[in-house]
């Protein structure tokens, strides 16, 4: 049995610092093009905000216990592998189009807003009263924060301009699907979870369209 030495939250925080360090090293070896500069600004600001948000909310994101091997695996994946789109952006010699720049910024903005807003709502609601959160952002999908995270990493992949960058998005999706499964099992202890699960989609936020249609039918 592997001895647990820290929490997954600490492991991920260390990994984010490693990501920041790796991104800052890239300009030493590669020229800073428009693509690279915009990418660097987006990814660095996300990592810094991730760490700041935890300090502001004073709530760990992950509570699992990690062994030394677990810590190294998290650093390798979240810390190093997640830098792949950044490296691809720096090594991409093709000029980036204005359309790609604009779309990447839009995806990054909305992905970050959705992810952070959902996390802040959840943290605030749980401090006021324990229970199932079904309103606000969480009426759009049961894992709206993960949807925002995927949109943000899609912005990184799009800006990198390489199909290989989308492997990170796929990896994030696989990890999030596992978290969603565990979360669903945990929330099943609430009596009203089954109704929430039936009426609100798991990931894609088309729940507001369904709810709007139901409201329209009830009012007609």
N, C-alpha and C. Protein backbone atom coordinates (compact mmCIF):
# COMPACT_ATOMS: atom_id res chain seq x y z
N UNK A 1 0.84 -1.20 0.00
CA UNK A 1 0.00 0.00 0.00
C UNK A 1 0.88 1.25 0.00
N UNK A 2 0.60 2.17 -0.89
CA UNK A 2 1.41 3.38 -0.99
C UNK A 2 1.05 4.36 0.12
N UNK A 3 2.08 4.88 0.77
CA UNK A 3 1.88 5.81 1.88
C UNK A 3 1.44 7.17 1.35
N UNK A 4 0.36 7.70 1.90
CA UNK A 4 -0.16 8.99 1.49
C UNK A 4 0.63 10.11 2.17
N UNK A 5 1.04 11.10 1.39
CA UNK A 5 1.90 12.14 1.93
C UNK A 5 1.27 13.53 1.85
N UNK A 6 0.27 13.70 1.00
CA UNK A 6 -0.37 15.01 0.87
C UNK A 6 -1.74 14.84 0.22
N UNK A 7 -2.39 15.95 -0.07
CA UNK A 7 -3.71 15.89 -0.71
C UNK A 7 -3.58 16.13 -2.20
N UNK A 8 -4.58 15.70 -2.96
CA UNK A 8 -4.59 15.94 -4.41
C UNK A 8 -4.61 17.44 -4.69
N UNK A 9 -5.22 18.20 -3.80
CA UNK A 9 -5.26 19.65 -4.00
C UNK A 9 -3.86 20.24 -4.02
N UNK A 10 -3.00 19.80 -3.10
CA UNK A 10 -1.62 20.28 -3.06
C UNK A 10 -0.87 19.82 -4.31
N UNK A 11 -1.12 18.59 -4.73
CA UNK A 11 -0.46 18.06 -5.92
C UNK A 11 -0.78 18.90 -7.15
N UNK A 12 -2.07 19.24 -7.31
CA UNK A 12 -2.48 20.03 -8.47
C UNK A 12 -1.89 21.44 -8.39
N UNK A 13 -1.86 22.02 -7.20
CA UNK A 13 -1.28 23.35 -7.04
C UNK A 13 0.20 23.35 -7.43
N UNK A 14 0.92 22.33 -7.02
CA UNK A 14 2.33 22.21 -7.41
C UNK A 14 2.43 22.09 -8.93
N UNK A 15 1.53 21.30 -9.51
CA UNK A 15 1.53 21.12 -10.96
C UNK A 15 1.29 22.43 -11.69
N UNK A 16 0.41 23.27 -11.16
CA UNK A 16 0.14 24.56 -11.79
C UNK A 16 1.38 25.46 -11.75
N UNK A 17 2.12 25.40 -10.66
CA UNK A 17 3.37 26.16 -10.56
C UNK A 17 4.37 25.64 -11.58
N UNK A 18 4.43 24.32 -11.76
CA UNK A 18 5.32 23.73 -12.76
C UNK A 18 4.92 24.20 -14.16
N UNK A 19 3.61 24.26 -14.43
CA UNK A 19 3.13 24.76 -15.72
C UNK A 19 3.59 26.19 -15.96
N UNK A 20 3.44 27.03 -14.94
CA UNK A 20 3.88 28.42 -15.06
C UNK A 20 5.37 28.49 -15.39
N UNK A 21 6.16 27.68 -14.67
CA UNK A 21 7.62 27.68 -14.90
C UNK A 21 7.94 27.22 -16.33
N UNK A 22 7.27 26.18 -16.79
CA UNK A 22 7.53 25.67 -18.15
C UNK A 22 7.15 26.70 -19.20
N UNK A 23 6.03 27.38 -19.01
CA UNK A 23 5.60 28.39 -19.97
C UNK A 23 6.57 29.56 -20.02
N UNK A 24 7.10 29.93 -18.87
CA UNK A 24 8.04 31.06 -18.82
C UNK A 24 9.39 30.71 -19.44
N UNK A 25 9.70 29.43 -19.53
CA UNK A 25 10.96 28.99 -20.14
C UNK A 25 10.88 29.05 -21.66
N UNK A 26 9.69 28.85 -22.22
CA UNK A 26 9.53 28.79 -23.68
C UNK A 26 10.10 30.02 -24.41
N UNK A 27 9.87 31.26 -23.93
CA UNK A 27 10.41 32.41 -24.65
C UNK A 27 11.94 32.46 -24.67
N UNK A 28 12.57 31.70 -23.79
CA UNK A 28 14.03 31.67 -23.78
C UNK A 28 14.57 30.94 -25.01
N UNK A 29 13.81 29.96 -25.48
CA UNK A 29 14.29 29.11 -26.58
C UNK A 29 13.60 29.40 -27.91
N UNK A 30 12.46 30.05 -27.87
CA UNK A 30 11.70 30.27 -29.11
C UNK A 30 11.30 31.74 -29.23
N UNK A 31 11.15 32.24 -30.46
CA UNK A 31 10.73 33.63 -30.65
C UNK A 31 9.28 33.83 -30.21
N UNK A 32 8.97 35.03 -29.75
CA UNK A 32 7.62 35.34 -29.29
C UNK A 32 6.84 35.96 -30.46
N UNK A 33 6.07 35.14 -31.11
CA UNK A 33 5.21 35.61 -32.19
C UNK A 33 3.89 36.10 -31.60
N UNK A 34 3.02 36.61 -32.45
CA UNK A 34 1.70 37.04 -31.97
C UNK A 34 0.95 35.86 -31.36
N UNK A 35 1.00 34.72 -32.04
CA UNK A 35 0.35 33.52 -31.53
C UNK A 35 0.88 33.15 -30.14
N UNK A 36 2.20 33.14 -30.03
CA UNK A 36 2.83 32.76 -28.78
C UNK A 36 2.53 33.75 -27.66
N UNK A 37 2.55 35.04 -27.98
CA UNK A 37 2.31 36.06 -26.97
C UNK A 37 0.90 35.97 -26.40
N UNK A 38 -0.08 35.80 -27.29
CA UNK A 38 -1.47 35.69 -26.83
C UNK A 38 -1.66 34.41 -26.02
N UNK A 39 -1.06 33.32 -26.50
CA UNK A 39 -1.16 32.06 -25.76
C UNK A 39 -0.56 32.20 -24.36
N UNK A 40 0.62 32.78 -24.31
CA UNK A 40 1.30 32.93 -23.03
C UNK A 40 0.45 33.74 -22.06
N UNK A 41 -0.15 34.81 -22.54
CA UNK A 41 -0.99 35.64 -21.69
C UNK A 41 -2.21 34.89 -21.16
N UNK A 42 -2.83 34.10 -22.03
CA UNK A 42 -4.03 33.37 -21.61
C UNK A 42 -3.70 32.27 -20.61
N UNK A 43 -2.72 31.43 -20.93
CA UNK A 43 -2.45 30.28 -20.08
C UNK A 43 -1.83 30.69 -18.74
N UNK A 44 -0.93 31.66 -18.78
CA UNK A 44 -0.35 32.13 -17.52
C UNK A 44 -1.39 32.77 -16.62
N UNK A 45 -2.26 33.59 -17.19
CA UNK A 45 -3.29 34.24 -16.38
C UNK A 45 -4.24 33.22 -15.78
N UNK A 46 -4.53 32.16 -16.53
CA UNK A 46 -5.39 31.11 -15.99
C UNK A 46 -4.74 30.42 -14.79
N UNK A 47 -3.47 30.03 -14.93
CA UNK A 47 -2.77 29.34 -13.83
C UNK A 47 -2.68 30.20 -12.59
N UNK A 48 -2.36 31.47 -12.78
CA UNK A 48 -2.27 32.39 -11.63
C UNK A 48 -3.63 32.56 -10.98
N UNK A 49 -4.68 32.71 -11.80
CA UNK A 49 -6.03 32.87 -11.26
C UNK A 49 -6.48 31.61 -10.53
N UNK A 50 -6.11 30.44 -11.04
CA UNK A 50 -6.46 29.19 -10.39
C UNK A 50 -5.94 29.16 -8.96
N UNK A 51 -4.68 29.57 -8.78
CA UNK A 51 -4.08 29.58 -7.45
C UNK A 51 -4.69 30.68 -6.57
N UNK A 52 -4.92 31.84 -7.15
CA UNK A 52 -5.52 32.94 -6.39
C UNK A 52 -6.93 32.61 -5.94
N UNK A 53 -7.70 31.97 -6.80
CA UNK A 53 -9.10 31.64 -6.49
C UNK A 53 -9.19 30.75 -5.27
N UNK A 54 -8.27 29.81 -5.15
CA UNK A 54 -8.28 28.94 -3.98
C UNK A 54 -8.00 29.72 -2.70
N UNK A 55 -7.07 30.68 -2.81
CA UNK A 55 -6.79 31.51 -1.64
C UNK A 55 -7.97 32.38 -1.25
N UNK A 56 -8.70 32.85 -2.26
CA UNK A 56 -9.86 33.72 -2.00
C UNK A 56 -11.02 32.91 -1.42
N UNK A 57 -11.32 31.77 -2.03
CA UNK A 57 -12.46 30.96 -1.59
C UNK A 57 -12.14 30.15 -0.34
N UNK A 58 -10.85 29.93 -0.08
CA UNK A 58 -10.41 29.17 1.10
C UNK A 58 -11.08 27.80 1.15
N UNK A 59 -11.10 27.15 -0.01
CA UNK A 59 -11.70 25.82 -0.07
C UNK A 59 -10.94 24.97 -1.05
N UNK A 60 -10.47 23.79 -0.64
CA UNK A 60 -9.73 22.92 -1.57
C UNK A 60 -10.63 22.40 -2.67
N UNK A 61 -10.08 22.25 -3.86
CA UNK A 61 -10.84 21.72 -4.98
C UNK A 61 -10.90 20.20 -4.94
N UNK A 62 -9.79 19.58 -4.55
CA UNK A 62 -9.71 18.12 -4.50
C UNK A 62 -9.34 17.69 -3.08
N UNK A 63 -9.93 16.60 -2.62
CA UNK A 63 -9.72 16.16 -1.24
C UNK A 63 -9.07 14.78 -1.14
N UNK A 64 -8.79 14.14 -2.28
CA UNK A 64 -8.17 12.83 -2.24
C UNK A 64 -6.77 12.91 -1.63
N UNK A 65 -6.33 11.79 -1.05
CA UNK A 65 -4.99 11.69 -0.49
C UNK A 65 -4.04 11.11 -1.54
N UNK A 66 -2.85 11.71 -1.67
CA UNK A 66 -1.88 11.30 -2.68
C UNK A 66 -0.61 10.74 -2.06
N UNK A 67 -0.06 9.74 -2.72
CA UNK A 67 1.26 9.24 -2.37
C UNK A 67 2.30 10.00 -3.19
N UNK A 68 3.55 9.71 -2.96
CA UNK A 68 4.62 10.35 -3.73
C UNK A 68 4.44 10.05 -5.22
N UNK A 69 4.10 8.80 -5.53
CA UNK A 69 3.89 8.42 -6.94
C UNK A 69 2.72 9.20 -7.54
N UNK A 70 1.66 9.37 -6.76
CA UNK A 70 0.50 10.14 -7.23
C UNK A 70 0.90 11.58 -7.53
N UNK A 71 1.69 12.16 -6.64
CA UNK A 71 2.14 13.54 -6.83
C UNK A 71 2.93 13.67 -8.12
N UNK A 72 3.84 12.73 -8.35
CA UNK A 72 4.66 12.76 -9.57
C UNK A 72 3.81 12.59 -10.82
N UNK A 73 2.78 11.75 -10.75
CA UNK A 73 1.89 11.54 -11.89
C UNK A 73 1.10 12.80 -12.19
N UNK A 74 0.63 13.48 -11.15
CA UNK A 74 -0.13 14.72 -11.34
C UNK A 74 0.77 15.81 -11.94
N UNK A 75 1.99 15.92 -11.43
CA UNK A 75 2.92 16.92 -11.96
C UNK A 75 3.24 16.63 -13.42
N UNK A 76 3.42 15.35 -13.75
CA UNK A 76 3.74 14.98 -15.14
C UNK A 76 2.59 15.30 -16.08
N UNK A 77 1.38 14.99 -15.66
CA UNK A 77 0.21 15.21 -16.53
C UNK A 77 -0.26 16.65 -16.49
N UNK A 78 -0.72 17.10 -15.34
CA UNK A 78 -1.27 18.45 -15.21
C UNK A 78 -0.19 19.52 -15.32
N UNK A 79 0.99 19.23 -14.82
CA UNK A 79 2.04 20.23 -14.83
C UNK A 79 2.80 20.35 -16.13
N UNK A 80 3.17 19.21 -16.72
CA UNK A 80 4.02 19.20 -17.91
C UNK A 80 3.22 18.96 -19.19
N UNK A 81 2.40 17.91 -19.20
CA UNK A 81 1.65 17.58 -20.42
C UNK A 81 0.73 18.73 -20.84
N UNK A 82 0.16 19.44 -19.89
CA UNK A 82 -0.75 20.54 -20.21
C UNK A 82 -0.03 21.71 -20.88
N UNK A 83 1.29 21.69 -20.87
CA UNK A 83 2.06 22.75 -21.53
C UNK A 83 2.19 22.47 -23.03
N UNK A 84 1.82 21.26 -23.47
CA UNK A 84 1.98 20.88 -24.87
C UNK A 84 1.40 21.90 -25.85
N UNK A 85 0.16 22.39 -25.65
CA UNK A 85 -0.35 23.40 -26.59
C UNK A 85 0.51 24.66 -26.62
N UNK A 86 1.07 25.03 -25.48
CA UNK A 86 1.94 26.20 -25.43
C UNK A 86 3.20 26.00 -26.25
N UNK A 87 3.81 24.81 -26.11
CA UNK A 87 5.01 24.51 -26.90
C UNK A 87 4.67 24.50 -28.38
N UNK A 88 3.51 23.94 -28.73
CA UNK A 88 3.10 23.91 -30.13
C UNK A 88 2.83 25.31 -30.67
N UNK A 89 2.32 26.19 -29.81
CA UNK A 89 2.08 27.58 -30.23
C UNK A 89 3.40 28.30 -30.50
N UNK A 90 4.39 28.05 -29.66
CA UNK A 90 5.69 28.70 -29.83
C UNK A 90 6.45 28.16 -31.03
N UNK A 91 6.25 26.89 -31.35
CA UNK A 91 6.99 26.29 -32.46
C UNK A 91 6.23 26.37 -33.78
N UNK A 92 5.03 26.88 -33.76
CA UNK A 92 4.23 27.03 -34.98
C UNK A 92 4.68 28.28 -35.73
N UNK A 93 5.29 28.08 -36.89
CA UNK A 93 5.82 29.20 -37.65
C UNK A 93 4.80 29.85 -38.57
N UNK A 94 3.60 29.26 -38.65
CA UNK A 94 2.57 29.82 -39.51
C UNK A 94 1.93 31.04 -38.85
N UNK A 95 1.71 32.12 -39.61
CA UNK A 95 1.04 33.30 -39.04
C UNK A 95 -0.37 32.93 -38.59
N UNK A 96 -0.78 33.45 -37.46
CA UNK A 96 -2.11 33.17 -36.95
C UNK A 96 -3.10 34.18 -37.52
N UNK A 97 -4.27 33.72 -37.92
CA UNK A 97 -5.27 34.62 -38.50
C UNK A 97 -5.98 35.42 -37.40
N UNK A 98 -6.53 36.55 -37.78
CA UNK A 98 -7.30 37.36 -36.83
C UNK A 98 -8.52 36.61 -36.32
N UNK A 99 -9.11 35.78 -37.18
CA UNK A 99 -10.28 35.00 -36.78
C UNK A 99 -9.94 34.02 -35.66
N UNK A 100 -8.82 33.32 -35.81
CA UNK A 100 -8.40 32.36 -34.79
C UNK A 100 -8.06 33.08 -33.49
N UNK A 101 -7.38 34.21 -33.60
CA UNK A 101 -7.06 34.99 -32.40
C UNK A 101 -8.34 35.41 -31.67
N UNK A 102 -9.28 35.95 -32.42
CA UNK A 102 -10.52 36.45 -31.82
C UNK A 102 -11.31 35.30 -31.20
N UNK A 103 -11.45 34.20 -31.93
CA UNK A 103 -12.23 33.07 -31.43
C UNK A 103 -11.58 32.45 -30.20
N UNK A 104 -10.26 32.38 -30.19
CA UNK A 104 -9.54 31.82 -29.03
C UNK A 104 -9.78 32.67 -27.79
N UNK A 105 -9.72 33.98 -27.95
CA UNK A 105 -9.94 34.88 -26.81
C UNK A 105 -11.38 34.76 -26.30
N UNK A 106 -12.32 34.66 -27.24
CA UNK A 106 -13.74 34.52 -26.85
C UNK A 106 -13.96 33.22 -26.08
N UNK A 107 -13.43 32.12 -26.59
CA UNK A 107 -13.57 30.84 -25.90
C UNK A 107 -12.91 30.86 -24.54
N UNK A 108 -11.73 31.45 -24.47
CA UNK A 108 -11.01 31.54 -23.19
C UNK A 108 -11.80 32.37 -22.19
N UNK A 109 -12.36 33.49 -22.65
CA UNK A 109 -13.11 34.37 -21.76
C UNK A 109 -14.34 33.68 -21.20
N UNK A 110 -15.17 33.15 -22.09
CA UNK A 110 -16.42 32.53 -21.63
C UNK A 110 -16.16 31.25 -20.85
N UNK A 111 -15.16 30.47 -21.27
CA UNK A 111 -14.83 29.28 -20.51
C UNK A 111 -14.39 29.61 -19.10
N UNK A 112 -13.56 30.63 -18.96
CA UNK A 112 -13.07 31.04 -17.64
C UNK A 112 -14.19 31.61 -16.78
N UNK A 113 -15.06 32.43 -17.38
CA UNK A 113 -16.16 33.03 -16.63
C UNK A 113 -17.12 31.96 -16.13
N UNK A 114 -17.49 31.04 -17.00
CA UNK A 114 -18.42 29.98 -16.61
C UNK A 114 -17.81 29.11 -15.52
N UNK A 115 -16.57 28.68 -15.71
CA UNK A 115 -15.91 27.81 -14.74
C UNK A 115 -15.78 28.50 -13.38
N UNK A 116 -15.26 29.71 -13.36
CA UNK A 116 -15.03 30.41 -12.10
C UNK A 116 -16.34 30.79 -11.42
N UNK A 117 -17.31 31.26 -12.19
CA UNK A 117 -18.59 31.68 -11.61
C UNK A 117 -19.32 30.50 -10.97
N UNK A 118 -19.28 29.35 -11.65
CA UNK A 118 -19.91 28.16 -11.09
C UNK A 118 -19.23 27.73 -9.80
N UNK A 119 -17.90 27.78 -9.78
CA UNK A 119 -17.16 27.40 -8.57
C UNK A 119 -17.46 28.36 -7.43
N UNK A 120 -17.51 29.66 -7.73
CA UNK A 120 -17.79 30.65 -6.68
C UNK A 120 -19.21 30.46 -6.15
N UNK A 121 -20.16 30.22 -7.04
CA UNK A 121 -21.54 30.00 -6.60
C UNK A 121 -21.62 28.77 -5.69
N UNK A 122 -20.97 27.68 -6.11
CA UNK A 122 -21.00 26.46 -5.31
C UNK A 122 -20.36 26.66 -3.95
N UNK A 123 -19.19 27.30 -3.92
CA UNK A 123 -18.49 27.52 -2.66
C UNK A 123 -19.31 28.39 -1.72
N UNK A 124 -19.90 29.47 -2.25
CA UNK A 124 -20.71 30.37 -1.42
C UNK A 124 -21.96 29.67 -0.90
N UNK A 125 -22.63 28.91 -1.78
CA UNK A 125 -23.87 28.22 -1.39
C UNK A 125 -23.60 27.18 -0.30
N UNK A 126 -22.52 26.45 -0.41
CA UNK A 126 -22.20 25.42 0.57
C UNK A 126 -21.81 26.01 1.93
N UNK A 127 -21.25 27.21 1.92
CA UNK A 127 -20.91 27.86 3.18
C UNK A 127 -22.18 28.35 3.89
N UNK A 128 -23.19 28.71 3.12
CA UNK A 128 -24.44 29.19 3.70
C UNK A 128 -25.34 28.04 4.14
N UNK A 129 -25.37 26.98 3.33
CA UNK A 129 -26.23 25.85 3.66
C UNK A 129 -25.80 24.62 2.87
N UNK A 130 -25.58 23.51 3.58
CA UNK A 130 -25.21 22.27 2.92
C UNK A 130 -26.41 21.71 2.17
N UNK A 131 -26.16 21.14 1.01
CA UNK A 131 -27.24 20.55 0.25
C UNK A 131 -26.95 20.55 -1.24
N UNK A 132 -27.91 20.07 -2.00
CA UNK A 132 -27.77 19.99 -3.44
C UNK A 132 -27.98 21.36 -4.07
N UNK A 133 -27.07 21.76 -4.95
CA UNK A 133 -27.15 23.06 -5.62
C UNK A 133 -27.73 22.84 -7.01
N UNK A 134 -28.88 23.43 -7.25
CA UNK A 134 -29.58 23.20 -8.52
C UNK A 134 -29.93 24.48 -9.26
N UNK A 135 -29.63 25.64 -8.68
CA UNK A 135 -29.99 26.91 -9.31
C UNK A 135 -28.80 27.59 -9.97
N UNK A 136 -29.05 28.75 -10.54
CA UNK A 136 -27.99 29.53 -11.15
C UNK A 136 -27.31 28.79 -12.29
N UNK A 137 -25.99 28.79 -12.27
CA UNK A 137 -25.24 28.09 -13.31
C UNK A 137 -25.54 26.59 -13.31
N UNK A 138 -25.88 26.06 -12.14
CA UNK A 138 -26.06 24.61 -12.02
C UNK A 138 -27.41 24.15 -12.54
N UNK A 139 -28.25 25.06 -12.99
CA UNK A 139 -29.47 24.65 -13.67
C UNK A 139 -29.22 24.44 -15.17
N UNK A 140 -28.05 24.87 -15.65
CA UNK A 140 -27.68 24.69 -17.05
C UNK A 140 -27.17 23.28 -17.31
N UNK A 141 -26.31 22.79 -16.43
CA UNK A 141 -25.83 21.41 -16.50
C UNK A 141 -25.32 21.01 -15.13
N UNK A 142 -25.26 19.71 -14.88
CA UNK A 142 -24.86 19.23 -13.56
C UNK A 142 -23.36 19.38 -13.33
N UNK A 143 -22.62 19.61 -14.40
CA UNK A 143 -21.17 19.79 -14.30
C UNK A 143 -20.74 20.99 -15.14
N UNK A 144 -21.41 22.10 -14.93
CA UNK A 144 -21.18 23.29 -15.74
C UNK A 144 -19.76 23.81 -15.57
N UNK A 145 -19.15 23.59 -14.40
CA UNK A 145 -17.77 24.04 -14.20
C UNK A 145 -16.80 23.26 -15.10
N UNK A 146 -17.04 21.97 -15.28
CA UNK A 146 -16.20 21.18 -16.17
C UNK A 146 -16.40 21.60 -17.62
N UNK A 147 -17.63 21.96 -17.98
CA UNK A 147 -17.88 22.44 -19.34
C UNK A 147 -17.06 23.70 -19.61
N UNK A 148 -17.04 24.63 -18.65
CA UNK A 148 -16.23 25.84 -18.80
C UNK A 148 -14.76 25.53 -18.93
N UNK A 149 -14.30 24.55 -18.17
CA UNK A 149 -12.89 24.15 -18.24
C UNK A 149 -12.54 23.60 -19.62
N UNK A 150 -13.44 22.80 -20.18
CA UNK A 150 -13.20 22.25 -21.52
C UNK A 150 -13.17 23.34 -22.58
N UNK A 151 -14.05 24.33 -22.46
CA UNK A 151 -14.07 25.44 -23.40
C UNK A 151 -12.75 26.21 -23.33
N UNK A 152 -12.25 26.40 -22.12
CA UNK A 152 -10.99 27.13 -21.94
C UNK A 152 -9.82 26.37 -22.57
N UNK A 153 -9.72 25.08 -22.34
CA UNK A 153 -8.63 24.31 -22.94
C UNK A 153 -8.80 24.19 -24.45
N UNK A 154 -10.04 24.26 -24.94
CA UNK A 154 -10.26 24.28 -26.39
C UNK A 154 -9.69 25.56 -26.99
N UNK A 155 -9.76 26.66 -26.24
CA UNK A 155 -9.16 27.92 -26.70
C UNK A 155 -7.65 27.76 -26.85
N UNK A 156 -7.01 27.09 -25.89
CA UNK A 156 -5.57 26.84 -25.98
C UNK A 156 -5.23 26.01 -27.22
N UNK A 157 -6.01 24.94 -27.42
CA UNK A 157 -5.74 24.04 -28.55
C UNK A 157 -5.94 24.75 -29.88
N UNK A 158 -7.01 25.54 -29.98
CA UNK A 158 -7.29 26.27 -31.22
C UNK A 158 -6.16 27.24 -31.54
N UNK A 159 -5.70 27.96 -30.53
CA UNK A 159 -4.65 28.95 -30.75
C UNK A 159 -3.32 28.29 -31.09
N UNK A 160 -3.07 27.10 -30.54
CA UNK A 160 -1.82 26.39 -30.83
C UNK A 160 -1.70 26.05 -32.30
N UNK A 161 -2.84 25.81 -32.95
CA UNK A 161 -2.82 25.55 -34.38
C UNK A 161 -2.30 24.19 -34.77
N UNK A 162 -2.48 23.19 -33.91
CA UNK A 162 -2.02 21.83 -34.20
C UNK A 162 -3.04 20.83 -33.66
N UNK A 163 -3.26 19.76 -34.41
CA UNK A 163 -4.17 18.72 -33.95
C UNK A 163 -3.67 18.05 -32.67
N UNK A 164 -2.35 18.01 -32.51
CA UNK A 164 -1.79 17.39 -31.30
C UNK A 164 -2.23 18.13 -30.04
N UNK A 165 -2.50 19.42 -30.15
CA UNK A 165 -2.92 20.20 -28.98
C UNK A 165 -4.27 19.72 -28.45
N UNK A 166 -5.09 19.16 -29.32
CA UNK A 166 -6.40 18.68 -28.90
C UNK A 166 -6.31 17.43 -28.05
N UNK A 167 -5.14 16.78 -28.01
CA UNK A 167 -4.98 15.62 -27.14
C UNK A 167 -5.10 16.03 -25.68
N UNK A 168 -4.71 17.26 -25.36
CA UNK A 168 -4.86 17.76 -24.00
C UNK A 168 -6.34 17.95 -23.67
N UNK A 169 -7.10 18.47 -24.62
CA UNK A 169 -8.55 18.64 -24.42
C UNK A 169 -9.19 17.28 -24.19
N UNK A 170 -8.79 16.29 -24.97
CA UNK A 170 -9.32 14.94 -24.81
C UNK A 170 -8.96 14.36 -23.45
N UNK A 171 -7.73 14.60 -23.01
CA UNK A 171 -7.30 14.12 -21.70
C UNK A 171 -8.11 14.78 -20.59
N UNK A 172 -8.33 16.09 -20.71
CA UNK A 172 -9.14 16.82 -19.72
C UNK A 172 -10.55 16.25 -19.68
N UNK A 173 -11.10 15.94 -20.85
CA UNK A 173 -12.45 15.37 -20.92
C UNK A 173 -12.51 14.02 -20.22
N UNK A 174 -11.51 13.17 -20.45
CA UNK A 174 -11.49 11.84 -19.81
C UNK A 174 -11.42 11.99 -18.30
N UNK A 175 -10.56 12.89 -17.82
CA UNK A 175 -10.44 13.12 -16.38
C UNK A 175 -11.75 13.66 -15.81
N UNK A 176 -12.36 14.60 -16.52
CA UNK A 176 -13.61 15.19 -16.04
C UNK A 176 -14.75 14.17 -16.02
N UNK A 177 -14.79 13.28 -17.00
CA UNK A 177 -15.83 12.25 -17.01
C UNK A 177 -15.71 11.34 -15.80
N UNK A 178 -14.48 11.03 -15.40
CA UNK A 178 -14.28 10.21 -14.20
C UNK A 178 -14.73 10.98 -12.96
N UNK A 179 -14.41 12.27 -12.89
CA UNK A 179 -14.86 13.08 -11.76
C UNK A 179 -16.38 13.17 -11.72
N UNK A 180 -16.99 13.31 -12.90
CA UNK A 180 -18.45 13.40 -12.98
C UNK A 180 -19.10 12.13 -12.46
N UNK A 181 -18.52 10.98 -12.80
CA UNK A 181 -19.05 9.70 -12.32
C UNK A 181 -18.99 9.61 -10.80
N UNK A 182 -17.84 9.98 -10.24
CA UNK A 182 -17.69 9.94 -8.78
C UNK A 182 -18.61 10.95 -8.10
N UNK A 183 -18.75 12.12 -8.71
CA UNK A 183 -19.61 13.14 -8.15
C UNK A 183 -21.06 12.69 -8.14
N UNK A 184 -21.49 12.05 -9.24
CA UNK A 184 -22.86 11.56 -9.32
C UNK A 184 -23.14 10.54 -8.23
N UNK A 185 -22.19 9.66 -7.98
CA UNK A 185 -22.34 8.65 -6.93
C UNK A 185 -22.47 9.31 -5.56
N UNK A 186 -21.66 10.36 -5.34
CA UNK A 186 -21.69 11.06 -4.06
C UNK A 186 -23.00 11.81 -3.86
N UNK A 187 -23.49 12.48 -4.90
CA UNK A 187 -24.70 13.29 -4.78
C UNK A 187 -25.98 12.46 -4.73
N UNK A 188 -25.88 11.19 -5.06
CA UNK A 188 -27.07 10.33 -5.06
C UNK A 188 -27.65 10.16 -3.66
N UNK A 189 -26.91 10.59 -2.63
CA UNK A 189 -27.43 10.50 -1.27
C UNK A 189 -28.53 11.51 -1.00
N UNK A 190 -28.66 12.53 -1.84
CA UNK A 190 -29.71 13.53 -1.67
C UNK A 190 -31.01 13.03 -2.29
N UNK A 191 -32.12 13.14 -1.57
CA UNK A 191 -33.40 12.63 -2.08
C UNK A 191 -33.84 13.26 -3.40
N UNK A 192 -33.52 14.54 -3.61
CA UNK A 192 -33.98 15.23 -4.81
C UNK A 192 -32.97 15.16 -5.97
N UNK A 193 -31.90 14.36 -5.81
CA UNK A 193 -30.90 14.30 -6.86
C UNK A 193 -31.43 13.61 -8.12
N UNK A 194 -32.24 12.57 -7.95
CA UNK A 194 -32.72 11.83 -9.11
C UNK A 194 -33.54 12.74 -10.03
N UNK A 195 -34.38 13.61 -9.44
CA UNK A 195 -35.16 14.55 -10.24
C UNK A 195 -34.24 15.55 -10.93
N UNK A 196 -33.24 16.01 -10.21
CA UNK A 196 -32.26 16.95 -10.77
C UNK A 196 -31.51 16.29 -11.93
N UNK A 197 -31.13 15.04 -11.74
CA UNK A 197 -30.40 14.31 -12.78
C UNK A 197 -31.27 14.09 -14.01
N UNK A 198 -32.55 13.88 -13.81
CA UNK A 198 -33.45 13.64 -14.92
C UNK A 198 -33.69 14.90 -15.74
N UNK A 199 -33.78 16.05 -15.07
CA UNK A 199 -34.16 17.30 -15.73
C UNK A 199 -32.99 18.14 -16.23
N UNK A 200 -31.78 17.88 -15.74
CA UNK A 200 -30.63 18.72 -16.10
C UNK A 200 -29.55 17.85 -16.74
N UNK A 201 -29.04 18.24 -17.91
CA UNK A 201 -28.02 17.43 -18.61
C UNK A 201 -26.73 17.33 -17.81
N UNK A 202 -25.94 16.31 -18.10
CA UNK A 202 -24.73 16.04 -17.34
C UNK A 202 -23.63 17.06 -17.60
N UNK A 203 -23.43 17.47 -18.86
CA UNK A 203 -22.29 18.32 -19.18
C UNK A 203 -22.66 19.49 -20.08
N UNK A 204 -23.17 19.20 -21.27
CA UNK A 204 -23.49 20.27 -22.22
C UNK A 204 -24.66 21.11 -21.71
N UNK A 205 -24.50 22.43 -21.65
CA UNK A 205 -25.52 23.29 -21.04
C UNK A 205 -26.70 23.61 -21.95
N UNK A 206 -27.41 22.58 -22.36
CA UNK A 206 -28.64 22.83 -23.11
C UNK A 206 -29.85 22.77 -22.19
N UNK A 207 -29.58 22.67 -20.88
CA UNK A 207 -30.67 22.60 -19.91
C UNK A 207 -31.54 23.84 -19.89
N UNK A 208 -30.92 25.01 -20.15
CA UNK A 208 -31.72 26.24 -20.11
C UNK A 208 -32.73 26.27 -21.24
N UNK A 209 -32.40 25.64 -22.39
CA UNK A 209 -33.35 25.59 -23.49
C UNK A 209 -34.51 24.66 -23.14
N UNK A 210 -34.16 23.53 -22.49
CA UNK A 210 -35.20 22.60 -22.08
C UNK A 210 -36.11 23.25 -21.04
N UNK A 211 -35.51 23.97 -20.07
CA UNK A 211 -36.29 24.62 -19.03
C UNK A 211 -37.18 25.71 -19.61
N UNK A 212 -36.64 26.46 -20.57
CA UNK A 212 -37.43 27.52 -21.20
C UNK A 212 -38.63 26.94 -21.94
N UNK A 213 -38.42 25.78 -22.58
CA UNK A 213 -39.52 25.13 -23.29
C UNK A 213 -40.57 24.64 -22.32
N UNK A 214 -40.13 24.08 -21.18
CA UNK A 214 -41.07 23.62 -20.17
C UNK A 214 -41.88 24.77 -19.59
N UNK A 215 -41.19 25.90 -19.33
CA UNK A 215 -41.90 27.08 -18.79
C UNK A 215 -42.92 27.60 -19.78
N UNK A 216 -42.52 27.57 -21.06
CA UNK A 216 -43.44 28.06 -22.10
C UNK A 216 -44.68 27.16 -22.18
N UNK A 217 -44.49 25.85 -22.07
CA UNK A 217 -45.60 24.92 -22.13
C UNK A 217 -46.53 25.07 -20.92
N UNK A 218 -45.92 25.36 -19.76
CA UNK A 218 -46.73 25.53 -18.55
C UNK A 218 -47.54 26.82 -18.59
N UNK A 219 -46.98 27.86 -19.24
CA UNK A 219 -47.66 29.15 -19.29
C UNK A 219 -48.68 29.24 -20.41
N UNK A 220 -48.62 28.27 -21.35
CA UNK A 220 -49.53 28.31 -22.49
C UNK A 220 -50.90 27.72 -22.15
